[in-house]
Amino acid sequence: TLGTLLTSSMAAYAFARIRFFGRGFWFMLFLATMMVPA
């Protein structure tokens, strides 16, 4: 829980505020992993 809060908040801030090449594509690819069964 503690580790997830740290890494998720940092990644969320990066995807929301920091502009980098392919940000939208990488975020959609990141979300697409939620459809892959464990």
PDB file of all heavy atoms in Angstrom:
ATOM      1  N   THR A   1       0.825  -1.203   0.000  1.00  0.00           N
ATOM      2  CA  THR A   1       0.000   0.000   0.000  1.00  0.00           C
ATOM      3  C   THR A   1       0.860   1.254   0.000  1.00  0.00           C
ATOM      4  O   THR A   1       0.639   2.174  -0.806  1.00  0.00           O
ATOM      5  CB  THR A   1      -0.932   0.003   1.221  1.00  0.00           C
ATOM      6  OG1 THR A   1      -1.788  -1.148   1.167  1.00  0.00           O
ATOM      7  CG2 THR A   1      -1.782   1.260   1.246  1.00  0.00           C
ATOM      8  N   LEU A   2       1.843   1.333   0.885  1.00  0.00           N
ATOM      9  CA  LEU A   2       2.705   2.516   0.950  1.00  0.00           C
ATOM     10  C   LEU A   2       3.505   2.688  -0.339  1.00  0.00           C
ATOM     11  O   LEU A   2       3.618   3.802  -0.871  1.00  0.00           O
ATOM     12  CB  LEU A   2       3.644   2.403   2.148  1.00  0.00           C
ATOM     13  CG  LEU A   2       2.981   2.400   3.536  1.00  0.00           C
ATOM     14  CD1 LEU A   2       4.029   2.213   4.636  1.00  0.00           C
ATOM     15  CD2 LEU A   2       2.192   3.674   3.761  1.00  0.00           C
ATOM     16  N   GLY A   3       4.062   1.591  -0.850  1.00  0.00           N
ATOM     17  CA  GLY A   3       4.826   1.686  -2.088  1.00  0.00           C
ATOM     18  C   GLY A   3       3.973   2.057  -3.279  1.00  0.00           C
ATOM     19  O   GLY A   3       4.390   2.854  -4.135  1.00  0.00           O
ATOM     20  N   THR A   4       2.759   1.521  -3.348  1.00  0.00           N
ATOM     21  CA  THR A   4       1.858   1.835  -4.451  1.00  0.00           C
ATOM     22  C   THR A   4       1.452   3.302  -4.438  1.00  0.00           C
ATOM     23  O   THR A   4       1.383   3.948  -5.495  1.00  0.00           O
ATOM     24  CB  THR A   4       0.607   0.941  -4.381  1.00  0.00           C
ATOM     25  OG1 THR A   4       0.986  -0.424  -4.532  1.00  0.00           O
ATOM     26  CG2 THR A   4      -0.384   1.311  -5.479  1.00  0.00           C
ATOM     27  N   LEU A   5       1.179   3.846  -3.267  1.00  0.00           N
ATOM     28  CA  LEU A   5       0.822   5.262  -3.178  1.00  0.00           C
ATOM     29  C   LEU A   5       1.953   6.147  -3.678  1.00  0.00           C
ATOM     30  O   LEU A   5       1.710   7.163  -4.344  1.00  0.00           O
ATOM     31  CB  LEU A   5       0.464   5.618  -1.736  1.00  0.00           C
ATOM     32  CG  LEU A   5      -0.819   5.009  -1.179  1.00  0.00           C
ATOM     33  CD1 LEU A   5      -1.027   5.425   0.269  1.00  0.00           C
ATOM     34  CD2 LEU A   5      -2.020   5.418  -2.018  1.00  0.00           C
ATOM     35  N   LEU A   6       3.189   5.766  -3.374  1.00  0.00           N
ATOM     36  CA  LEU A   6       4.332   6.570  -3.827  1.00  0.00           C
ATOM     37  C   LEU A   6       4.510   6.485  -5.336  1.00  0.00           C
ATOM     38  O   LEU A   6       4.568   7.509  -6.025  1.00  0.00           O
ATOM     39  CB  LEU A   6       5.599   6.093  -3.118  1.00  0.00           C
ATOM     40  CG  LEU A   6       6.902   6.777  -3.551  1.00  0.00           C
ATOM     41  CD1 LEU A   6       6.862   8.267  -3.258  1.00  0.00           C
ATOM     42  CD2 LEU A   6       8.101   6.121  -2.876  1.00  0.00           C
ATOM     43  N   THR A   7       4.587   5.280  -5.880  1.00  0.00           N
ATOM     44  CA  THR A   7       4.848   5.134  -7.310  1.00  0.00           C
ATOM     45  C   THR A   7       3.665   5.590  -8.163  1.00  0.00           C
ATOM     46  O   THR A   7       3.861   6.219  -9.208  1.00  0.00           O
ATOM     47  CB  THR A   7       5.183   3.666  -7.636  1.00  0.00           C
ATOM     48  OG1 THR A   7       4.098   2.819  -7.205  1.00  0.00           O
ATOM     49  CG2 THR A   7       6.461   3.237  -6.927  1.00  0.00           C
ATOM     50  N   SER A   8       2.446   5.302  -7.728  1.00  0.00           N
ATOM     51  CA  SER A   8       1.271   5.692  -8.510  1.00  0.00           C
ATOM     52  C   SER A   8       1.111   7.209  -8.543  1.00  0.00           C
ATOM     53  O   SER A   8       0.741   7.771  -9.585  1.00  0.00           O
ATOM     54  CB  SER A   8       0.011   5.037  -7.941  1.00  0.00           C
ATOM     55  OG  SER A   8       0.065   3.641  -8.065  1.00  0.00           O
ATOM     56  N   SER A   9       1.355   7.873  -7.429  1.00  0.00           N
ATOM     57  CA  SER A   9       1.227   9.332  -7.409  1.00  0.00           C
ATOM     58  C   SER A   9       2.288   9.984  -8.291  1.00  0.00           C
ATOM     59  O   SER A   9       2.005  10.965  -8.996  1.00  0.00           O
ATOM     60  CB  SER A   9       1.334   9.852  -5.975  1.00  0.00           C
ATOM     61  OG  SER A   9       2.585   9.497  -5.391  1.00  0.00           O
ATOM     62  N   MET A  10       3.510   9.455  -8.285  1.00  0.00           N
ATOM     63  CA  MET A  10       4.558  10.013  -9.142  1.00  0.00           C
ATOM     64  C   MET A  10       4.237   9.804 -10.621  1.00  0.00           C
ATOM     65  O   MET A  10       4.380  10.720 -11.438  1.00  0.00           O
ATOM     66  CB  MET A  10       5.902   9.370  -8.788  1.00  0.00           C
ATOM     67  CG  MET A  10       6.389   9.694  -7.381  1.00  0.00           C
ATOM     68  SD  MET A  10       7.873   8.768  -6.915  1.00  0.00           S
ATOM     69  CE  MET A  10       9.064   9.456  -8.050  1.00  0.00           C
ATOM     70  N   ALA A  11       3.791   8.585 -10.966  1.00  0.00           N
ATOM     71  CA  ALA A  11       3.442   8.317 -12.365  1.00  0.00           C
ATOM     72  C   ALA A  11       2.230   9.132 -12.794  1.00  0.00           C
ATOM     73  O   ALA A  11       2.179   9.628 -13.925  1.00  0.00           O
ATOM     74  CB  ALA A  11       3.172   6.824 -12.549  1.00  0.00           C
ATOM     75  N   ALA A  12       1.251   9.274 -11.902  1.00  0.00           N
ATOM     76  CA  ALA A  12       0.058  10.052 -12.240  1.00  0.00           C
ATOM     77  C   ALA A  12       0.414  11.511 -12.500  1.00  0.00           C
ATOM     78  O   ALA A  12      -0.099  12.134 -13.446  1.00  0.00           O
ATOM     79  CB  ALA A  12      -0.958   9.951 -11.097  1.00  0.00           C
ATOM     80  N   TYR A  13       1.294  12.070 -11.690  1.00  0.00           N
ATOM     81  CA  TYR A  13       1.712  13.463 -11.896  1.00  0.00           C
ATOM     82  C   TYR A  13       2.476  13.601 -13.210  1.00  0.00           C
ATOM     83  O   TYR A  13       2.294  14.587 -13.945  1.00  0.00           O
ATOM     84  CB  TYR A  13       2.571  13.917 -10.726  1.00  0.00           C
ATOM     85  CG  TYR A  13       3.074  15.336 -10.865  1.00  0.00           C
ATOM     86  CD1 TYR A  13       2.197  16.409 -10.789  1.00  0.00           C
ATOM     87  CD2 TYR A  13       4.421  15.594 -11.088  1.00  0.00           C
ATOM     88  CE1 TYR A  13       2.640  17.710 -10.924  1.00  0.00           C
ATOM     89  CE2 TYR A  13       4.885  16.888 -11.219  1.00  0.00           C
ATOM     90  CZ  TYR A  13       3.992  17.939 -11.138  1.00  0.00           C
ATOM     91  OH  TYR A  13       4.436  19.230 -11.281  1.00  0.00           O
ATOM     92  N   ALA A  14       3.317  12.623 -13.530  1.00  0.00           N
ATOM     93  CA  ALA A  14       4.075  12.683 -14.777  1.00  0.00           C
ATOM     94  C   ALA A  14       3.143  12.629 -15.987  1.00  0.00           C
ATOM     95  O   ALA A  14       3.292  13.405 -16.939  1.00  0.00           O
ATOM     96  CB  ALA A  14       5.087  11.532 -14.832  1.00  0.00           C
ATOM     97  N   PHE A  15       2.168  11.726 -15.973  1.00  0.00           N
ATOM     98  CA  PHE A  15       1.246  11.610 -17.096  1.00  0.00           C
ATOM     99  C   PHE A  15       0.332  12.827 -17.211  1.00  0.00           C
ATOM    100  O   PHE A  15      -0.129  13.157 -18.309  1.00  0.00           O
ATOM    101  CB  PHE A  15       0.402  10.347 -16.962  1.00  0.00           C
ATOM    102  CG  PHE A  15       1.091   9.100 -17.434  1.00  0.00           C
ATOM    103  CD1 PHE A  15       1.285   8.034 -16.576  1.00  0.00           C
ATOM    104  CD2 PHE A  15       1.531   8.985 -18.743  1.00  0.00           C
ATOM    105  CE1 PHE A  15       1.920   6.879 -17.007  1.00  0.00           C
ATOM    106  CE2 PHE A  15       2.167   7.833 -19.186  1.00  0.00           C
ATOM    107  CZ  PHE A  15       2.366   6.770 -18.313  1.00  0.00           C
ATOM    108  N   ALA A  16       0.033  13.478 -16.108  1.00  0.00           N
ATOM    109  CA  ALA A  16      -0.907  14.599 -16.130  1.00  0.00           C
ATOM    110  C   ALA A  16      -0.248  15.932 -16.434  1.00  0.00           C
ATOM    111  O   ALA A  16      -0.875  16.803 -17.041  1.00  0.00           O
ATOM    112  CB  ALA A  16      -1.636  14.690 -14.791  1.00  0.00           C
ATOM    113  N   ARG A  17       1.024  16.110 -16.035  1.00  0.00           N
ATOM    114  CA  ARG A  17       1.631  17.430 -16.114  1.00  0.00           C
ATOM    115  C   ARG A  17       2.897  17.514 -16.971  1.00  0.00           C
ATOM    116  O   ARG A  17       3.158  18.536 -17.591  1.00  0.00           O
ATOM    117  CB  ARG A  17       1.982  17.917 -14.704  1.00  0.00           C
ATOM    118  CG  ARG A  17       0.773  18.336 -13.884  1.00  0.00           C
ATOM    119  CD  ARG A  17       0.192  19.636 -14.439  1.00  0.00           C
ATOM    120  NE  ARG A  17      -0.776  20.215 -13.525  1.00  0.00           N
ATOM    121  CZ  ARG A  17      -2.084  20.059 -13.613  1.00  0.00           C
ATOM    122  NH1 ARG A  17      -2.575  19.308 -14.595  1.00  0.00           N
ATOM    123  NH2 ARG A  17      -2.903  20.640 -12.761  1.00  0.00           N
ATOM    124  N   ILE A  18       3.697  16.479 -16.991  1.00  0.00           N
ATOM    125  CA  ILE A  18       4.972  16.539 -17.711  1.00  0.00           C
ATOM    126  C   ILE A  18       4.751  16.149 -19.164  1.00  0.00           C
ATOM    127  O   ILE A  18       4.209  15.081 -19.455  1.00  0.00           O
ATOM    128  CB  ILE A  18       6.017  15.619 -17.054  1.00  0.00           C
ATOM    129  CG1 ILE A  18       6.236  16.015 -15.595  1.00  0.00           C
ATOM    130  CG2 ILE A  18       7.335  15.670 -17.823  1.00  0.00           C
ATOM    131  CD1 ILE A  18       7.203  15.126 -14.852  1.00  0.00           C
ATOM    132  N   ARG A  19       5.188  17.019 -20.065  1.00  0.00           N
ATOM    133  CA  ARG A  19       5.038  16.751 -21.492  1.00  0.00           C
ATOM    134  C   ARG A  19       6.264  15.989 -21.999  1.00  0.00           C
ATOM    135  O   ARG A  19       7.397  16.431 -21.842  1.00  0.00           O
ATOM    136  CB  ARG A  19       4.883  18.066 -22.267  1.00  0.00           C
ATOM    137  CG  ARG A  19       3.623  18.841 -21.888  1.00  0.00           C
ATOM    138  CD  ARG A  19       3.457  20.072 -22.755  1.00  0.00           C
ATOM    139  NE  ARG A  19       2.248  20.811 -22.425  1.00  0.00           N
ATOM    140  CZ  ARG A  19       1.042  20.526 -22.900  1.00  0.00           C
ATOM    141  NH1 ARG A  19       0.908  19.532 -23.773  1.00  0.00           N
ATOM    142  NH2 ARG A  19      -0.003  21.235 -22.541  1.00  0.00           N
ATOM    143  N   PHE A  20       6.025  14.828 -22.585  1.00  0.00           N
ATOM    144  CA  PHE A  20       7.098  14.050 -23.182  1.00  0.00           C
ATOM    145  C   PHE A  20       6.543  13.340 -24.409  1.00  0.00           C
ATOM    146  O   PHE A  20       5.324  13.231 -24.582  1.00  0.00           O
ATOM    147  CB  PHE A  20       7.705  13.051 -22.177  1.00  0.00           C
ATOM    148  CG  PHE A  20       6.697  12.131 -21.535  1.00  0.00           C
ATOM    149  CD1 PHE A  20       6.357  10.922 -22.118  1.00  0.00           C
ATOM    150  CD2 PHE A  20       6.088  12.483 -20.337  1.00  0.00           C
ATOM    151  CE1 PHE A  20       5.449  10.071 -21.526  1.00  0.00           C
ATOM    152  CE2 PHE A  20       5.164  11.640 -19.734  1.00  0.00           C
ATOM    153  CZ  PHE A  20       4.845  10.436 -20.325  1.00  0.00           C
ATOM    154  N   PHE A  21       7.442  12.861 -25.252  1.00  0.00           N
ATOM    155  CA  PHE A  21       7.050  12.279 -26.535  1.00  0.00           C
ATOM    156  C   PHE A  21       6.190  11.029 -26.315  1.00  0.00           C
ATOM    157  O   PHE A  21       6.565  10.117 -25.573  1.00  0.00           O
ATOM    158  CB  PHE A  21       8.294  11.914 -27.357  1.00  0.00           C
ATOM    159  CG  PHE A  21       7.983  11.249 -28.664  1.00  0.00           C
ATOM    160  CD1 PHE A  21       7.481  11.977 -29.742  1.00  0.00           C
ATOM    161  CD2 PHE A  21       8.158   9.883 -28.814  1.00  0.00           C
ATOM    162  CE1 PHE A  21       7.184  11.366 -30.946  1.00  0.00           C
ATOM    163  CE2 PHE A  21       7.854   9.260 -30.012  1.00  0.00           C
ATOM    164  CZ  PHE A  21       7.370  10.004 -31.078  1.00  0.00           C
ATOM    165  N   GLY A  22       5.038  10.987 -26.969  1.00  0.00           N
ATOM    166  CA  GLY A  22       4.160   9.831 -26.906  1.00  0.00           C
ATOM    167  C   GLY A  22       3.446   9.659 -25.575  1.00  0.00           C
ATOM    168  O   GLY A  22       3.090   8.524 -25.224  1.00  0.00           O
ATOM    169  N   ARG A  23       3.231  10.749 -24.855  1.00  0.00           N
ATOM    170  CA  ARG A  23       2.614  10.642 -23.538  1.00  0.00           C
ATOM    171  C   ARG A  23       1.241   9.984 -23.613  1.00  0.00           C
ATOM    172  O   ARG A  23       0.930   9.075 -22.821  1.00  0.00           O
ATOM    173  CB  ARG A  23       2.487  12.029 -22.897  1.00  0.00           C
ATOM    174  CG  ARG A  23       1.880  11.993 -21.503  1.00  0.00           C
ATOM    175  CD  ARG A  23       1.815  13.381 -20.892  1.00  0.00           C
ATOM    176  NE  ARG A  23       0.909  14.263 -21.616  1.00  0.00           N
ATOM    177  CZ  ARG A  23       0.562  15.492 -21.204  1.00  0.00           C
ATOM    178  NH1 ARG A  23       1.078  15.972 -20.076  1.00  0.00           N
ATOM    179  NH2 ARG A  23      -0.259  16.226 -21.910  1.00  0.00           N
ATOM    180  N   GLY A  24       0.405  10.408 -24.538  1.00  0.00           N
ATOM    181  CA  GLY A  24      -0.927   9.822 -24.662  1.00  0.00           C
ATOM    182  C   GLY A  24      -0.883   8.358 -25.050  1.00  0.00           C
ATOM    183  O   GLY A  24      -1.649   7.540 -24.521  1.00  0.00           O
ATOM    184  N   PHE A  25       0.024   8.012 -25.979  1.00  0.00           N
ATOM    185  CA  PHE A  25       0.129   6.624 -26.411  1.00  0.00           C
ATOM    186  C   PHE A  25       0.579   5.733 -25.269  1.00  0.00           C
ATOM    187  O   PHE A  25       0.006   4.651 -25.059  1.00  0.00           O
ATOM    188  CB  PHE A  25       1.124   6.518 -27.573  1.00  0.00           C
ATOM    189  CG  PHE A  25       1.506   5.108 -27.902  1.00  0.00           C
ATOM    190  CD1 PHE A  25       0.645   4.289 -28.625  1.00  0.00           C
ATOM    191  CD2 PHE A  25       2.732   4.585 -27.478  1.00  0.00           C
ATOM    192  CE1 PHE A  25       0.996   2.973 -28.923  1.00  0.00           C
ATOM    193  CE2 PHE A  25       3.078   3.282 -27.772  1.00  0.00           C
ATOM    194  CZ  PHE A  25       2.213   2.474 -28.500  1.00  0.00           C
ATOM    195  N   TRP A  26       1.597   6.158 -24.534  1.00  0.00           N
ATOM    196  CA  TRP A  26       2.109   5.333 -23.436  1.00  0.00           C
ATOM    197  C   TRP A  26       1.082   5.194 -22.316  1.00  0.00           C
ATOM    198  O   TRP A  26       1.001   4.147 -21.675  1.00  0.00           O
ATOM    199  CB  TRP A  26       3.408   5.925 -22.890  1.00  0.00           C
ATOM    200  CG  TRP A  26       4.552   5.819 -23.837  1.00  0.00           C
ATOM    201  CD1 TRP A  26       5.238   6.839 -24.434  1.00  0.00           C
ATOM    202  CD2 TRP A  26       5.150   4.608 -24.318  1.00  0.00           C
ATOM    203  NE1 TRP A  26       6.213   6.354 -25.255  1.00  0.00           N
ATOM    204  CE2 TRP A  26       6.188   4.972 -25.207  1.00  0.00           C
ATOM    205  CE3 TRP A  26       4.911   3.252 -24.104  1.00  0.00           C
ATOM    206  CZ2 TRP A  26       6.977   4.052 -25.859  1.00  0.00           C
ATOM    207  CZ3 TRP A  26       5.694   2.321 -24.752  1.00  0.00           C
ATOM    208  CH2 TRP A  26       6.713   2.719 -25.613  1.00  0.00           C
ATOM    209  N   PHE A  27       0.295   6.238 -22.100  1.00  0.00           N
ATOM    210  CA  PHE A  27      -0.726   6.141 -21.059  1.00  0.00           C
ATOM    211  C   PHE A  27      -1.826   5.170 -21.482  1.00  0.00           C
ATOM    212  O   PHE A  27      -2.298   4.367 -20.663  1.00  0.00           O
ATOM    213  CB  PHE A  27      -1.328   7.520 -20.773  1.00  0.00           C
ATOM    214  CG  PHE A  27      -2.351   7.503 -19.675  1.00  0.00           C
ATOM    215  CD1 PHE A  27      -1.988   7.251 -18.362  1.00  0.00           C
ATOM    216  CD2 PHE A  27      -3.688   7.745 -19.953  1.00  0.00           C
ATOM    217  CE1 PHE A  27      -2.927   7.227 -17.344  1.00  0.00           C
ATOM    218  CE2 PHE A  27      -4.633   7.728 -18.945  1.00  0.00           C
ATOM    219  CZ  PHE A  27      -4.249   7.470 -17.643  1.00  0.00           C
ATOM    220  N   MET A  28      -2.261   5.218 -22.736  1.00  0.00           N
ATOM    221  CA  MET A  28      -3.261   4.268 -23.211  1.00  0.00           C
ATOM    222  C   MET A  28      -2.721   2.837 -23.175  1.00  0.00           C
ATOM    223  O   MET A  28      -3.445   1.901 -22.824  1.00  0.00           O
ATOM    224  CB  MET A  28      -3.695   4.638 -24.636  1.00  0.00           C
ATOM    225  CG  MET A  28      -4.432   5.965 -24.732  1.00  0.00           C
ATOM    226  SD  MET A  28      -5.933   5.995 -23.713  1.00  0.00           S
ATOM    227  CE  MET A  28      -6.884   4.695 -24.487  1.00  0.00           C
ATOM    228  N   LEU A  29      -1.454   2.663 -23.532  1.00  0.00           N
ATOM    229  CA  LEU A  29      -0.846   1.334 -23.453  1.00  0.00           C
ATOM    230  C   LEU A  29      -0.781   0.870 -21.999  1.00  0.00           C
ATOM    231  O   LEU A  29      -0.996  -0.313 -21.700  1.00  0.00           O
ATOM    232  CB  LEU A  29       0.546   1.368 -24.068  1.00  0.00           C
ATOM    233  CG  LEU A  29       1.274   0.030 -24.185  1.00  0.00           C
ATOM    234  CD1 LEU A  29       0.520  -0.906 -25.123  1.00  0.00           C
ATOM    235  CD2 LEU A  29       2.707   0.243 -24.683  1.00  0.00           C
ATOM    236  N   PHE A  30      -0.502   1.806 -21.103  1.00  0.00           N
ATOM    237  CA  PHE A  30      -0.458   1.505 -19.678  1.00  0.00           C
ATOM    238  C   PHE A  30      -1.824   1.036 -19.190  1.00  0.00           C
ATOM    239  O   PHE A  30      -1.930   0.036 -18.462  1.00  0.00           O
ATOM    240  CB  PHE A  30      -0.023   2.772 -18.929  1.00  0.00           C
ATOM    241  CG  PHE A  30       0.422   2.533 -17.524  1.00  0.00           C
ATOM    242  CD1 PHE A  30       1.613   1.882 -17.259  1.00  0.00           C
ATOM    243  CD2 PHE A  30      -0.338   2.978 -16.459  1.00  0.00           C
ATOM    244  CE1 PHE A  30       2.036   1.671 -15.963  1.00  0.00           C
ATOM    245  CE2 PHE A  30       0.074   2.766 -15.161  1.00  0.00           C
ATOM    246  CZ  PHE A  30       1.266   2.113 -14.914  1.00  0.00           C
ATOM    247  N   LEU A  31      -2.878   1.729 -19.601  1.00  0.00           N
ATOM    248  CA  LEU A  31      -4.231   1.354 -19.191  1.00  0.00           C
ATOM    249  C   LEU A  31      -4.669   0.039 -19.839  1.00  0.00           C
ATOM    250  O   LEU A  31      -5.451  -0.709 -19.245  1.00  0.00           O
ATOM    251  CB  LEU A  31      -5.227   2.456 -19.552  1.00  0.00           C
ATOM    252  CG  LEU A  31      -5.134   3.756 -18.765  1.00  0.00           C
ATOM    253  CD1 LEU A  31      -6.258   4.696 -19.180  1.00  0.00           C
ATOM    254  CD2 LEU A  31      -5.201   3.511 -17.260  1.00  0.00           C
ATOM    255  N   ALA A  32      -4.188  -0.240 -21.035  1.00  0.00           N
ATOM    256  CA  ALA A  32      -4.586  -1.465 -21.732  1.00  0.00           C
ATOM    257  C   ALA A  32      -4.163  -2.708 -20.968  1.00  0.00           C
ATOM    258  O   ALA A  32      -4.760  -3.777 -21.131  1.00  0.00           O
ATOM    259  CB  ALA A  32      -4.001  -1.484 -23.141  1.00  0.00           C
ATOM    260  N   THR A  33      -3.144  -2.589 -20.132  1.00  0.00           N
ATOM    261  CA  THR A  33      -2.705  -3.756 -19.355  1.00  0.00           C
ATOM    262  C   THR A  33      -3.757  -4.190 -18.345  1.00  0.00           C
ATOM    263  O   THR A  33      -3.706  -5.327 -17.859  1.00  0.00           O
ATOM    264  CB  THR A  33      -1.403  -3.434 -18.619  1.00  0.00           C
ATOM    265  OG1 THR A  33      -1.594  -2.318 -17.734  1.00  0.00           O
ATOM    266  CG2 THR A  33      -0.295  -3.084 -19.616  1.00  0.00           C
ATOM    267  N   MET A  34      -4.707  -3.325 -18.022  1.00  0.00           N
ATOM    268  CA  MET A  34      -5.766  -3.695 -17.083  1.00  0.00           C
ATOM    269  C   MET A  34      -6.680  -4.759 -17.689  1.00  0.00           C
ATOM    270  O   MET A  34      -7.388  -5.457 -16.950  1.00  0.00           O
ATOM    271  CB  MET A  34      -6.583  -2.459 -16.694  1.00  0.00           C
ATOM    272  CG  MET A  34      -5.798  -1.399 -15.940  1.00  0.00           C
ATOM    273  SD  MET A  34      -6.773   0.085 -15.580  1.00  0.00           S
ATOM    274  CE  MET A  34      -8.029  -0.588 -14.503  1.00  0.00           C
ATOM    275  N   MET A  35      -6.678  -4.884 -19.013  1.00  0.00           N
ATOM    276  CA  MET A  35      -7.520  -5.884 -19.668  1.00  0.00           C
ATOM    277  C   MET A  35      -6.849  -7.248 -19.770  1.00  0.00           C
ATOM    278  O   MET A  35      -7.470  -8.210 -20.213  1.00  0.00           O
ATOM    279  CB  MET A  35      -7.912  -5.400 -21.071  1.00  0.00           C
ATOM    280  CG  MET A  35      -8.752  -4.134 -21.080  1.00  0.00           C
ATOM    281  SD  MET A  35      -9.290  -3.660 -22.731  1.00  0.00           S
ATOM    282  CE  MET A  35      -7.724  -3.196 -23.459  1.00  0.00           C
ATOM    283  N   VAL A  36      -5.586  -7.336 -19.377  1.00  0.00           N
ATOM    284  CA  VAL A  36      -4.851  -8.603 -19.459  1.00  0.00           C
ATOM    285  C   VAL A  36      -5.037  -9.360 -18.151  1.00  0.00           C
ATOM    286  O   VAL A  36      -4.678  -8.864 -17.085  1.00  0.00           O
ATOM    287  CB  VAL A  36      -3.354  -8.362 -19.706  1.00  0.00           C
ATOM    288  CG1 VAL A  36      -2.598  -9.683 -19.785  1.00  0.00           C
ATOM    289  CG2 VAL A  36      -3.147  -7.546 -20.976  1.00  0.00           C
ATOM    290  N   PRO A  37      -5.609 -10.572 -18.182  1.00  0.00           N
ATOM    291  CA  PRO A  37      -5.809 -11.325 -16.945  1.00  0.00           C
ATOM    292  C   PRO A  37      -4.474 -11.687 -16.289  1.00  0.00           C
ATOM    293  O   PRO A  37      -3.468 -11.917 -16.974  1.00  0.00           O
ATOM    294  CB  PRO A  37      -6.555 -12.590 -17.407  1.00  0.00           C
ATOM    295  CG  PRO A  37      -7.108 -12.248 -18.753  1.00  0.00           C
ATOM    296  CD  PRO A  37      -6.158 -11.263 -19.351  1.00  0.00           C
ATOM    297  N   ALA A  38      -4.476 -11.747 -14.968  1.00  0.00           N
ATOM    298  CA  ALA A  38      -3.248 -12.088 -14.250  1.00  0.00           C
ATOM    299  C   ALA A  38      -2.775 -13.486 -14.582  1.00  0.00           C
ATOM    300  O   ALA A  38      -1.563 -13.765 -14.591  1.00  0.00           O
ATOM    301  CB  ALA A  38      -3.486 -11.952 -12.744  1.00  0.00           C
TER     302      ALA A  38
END
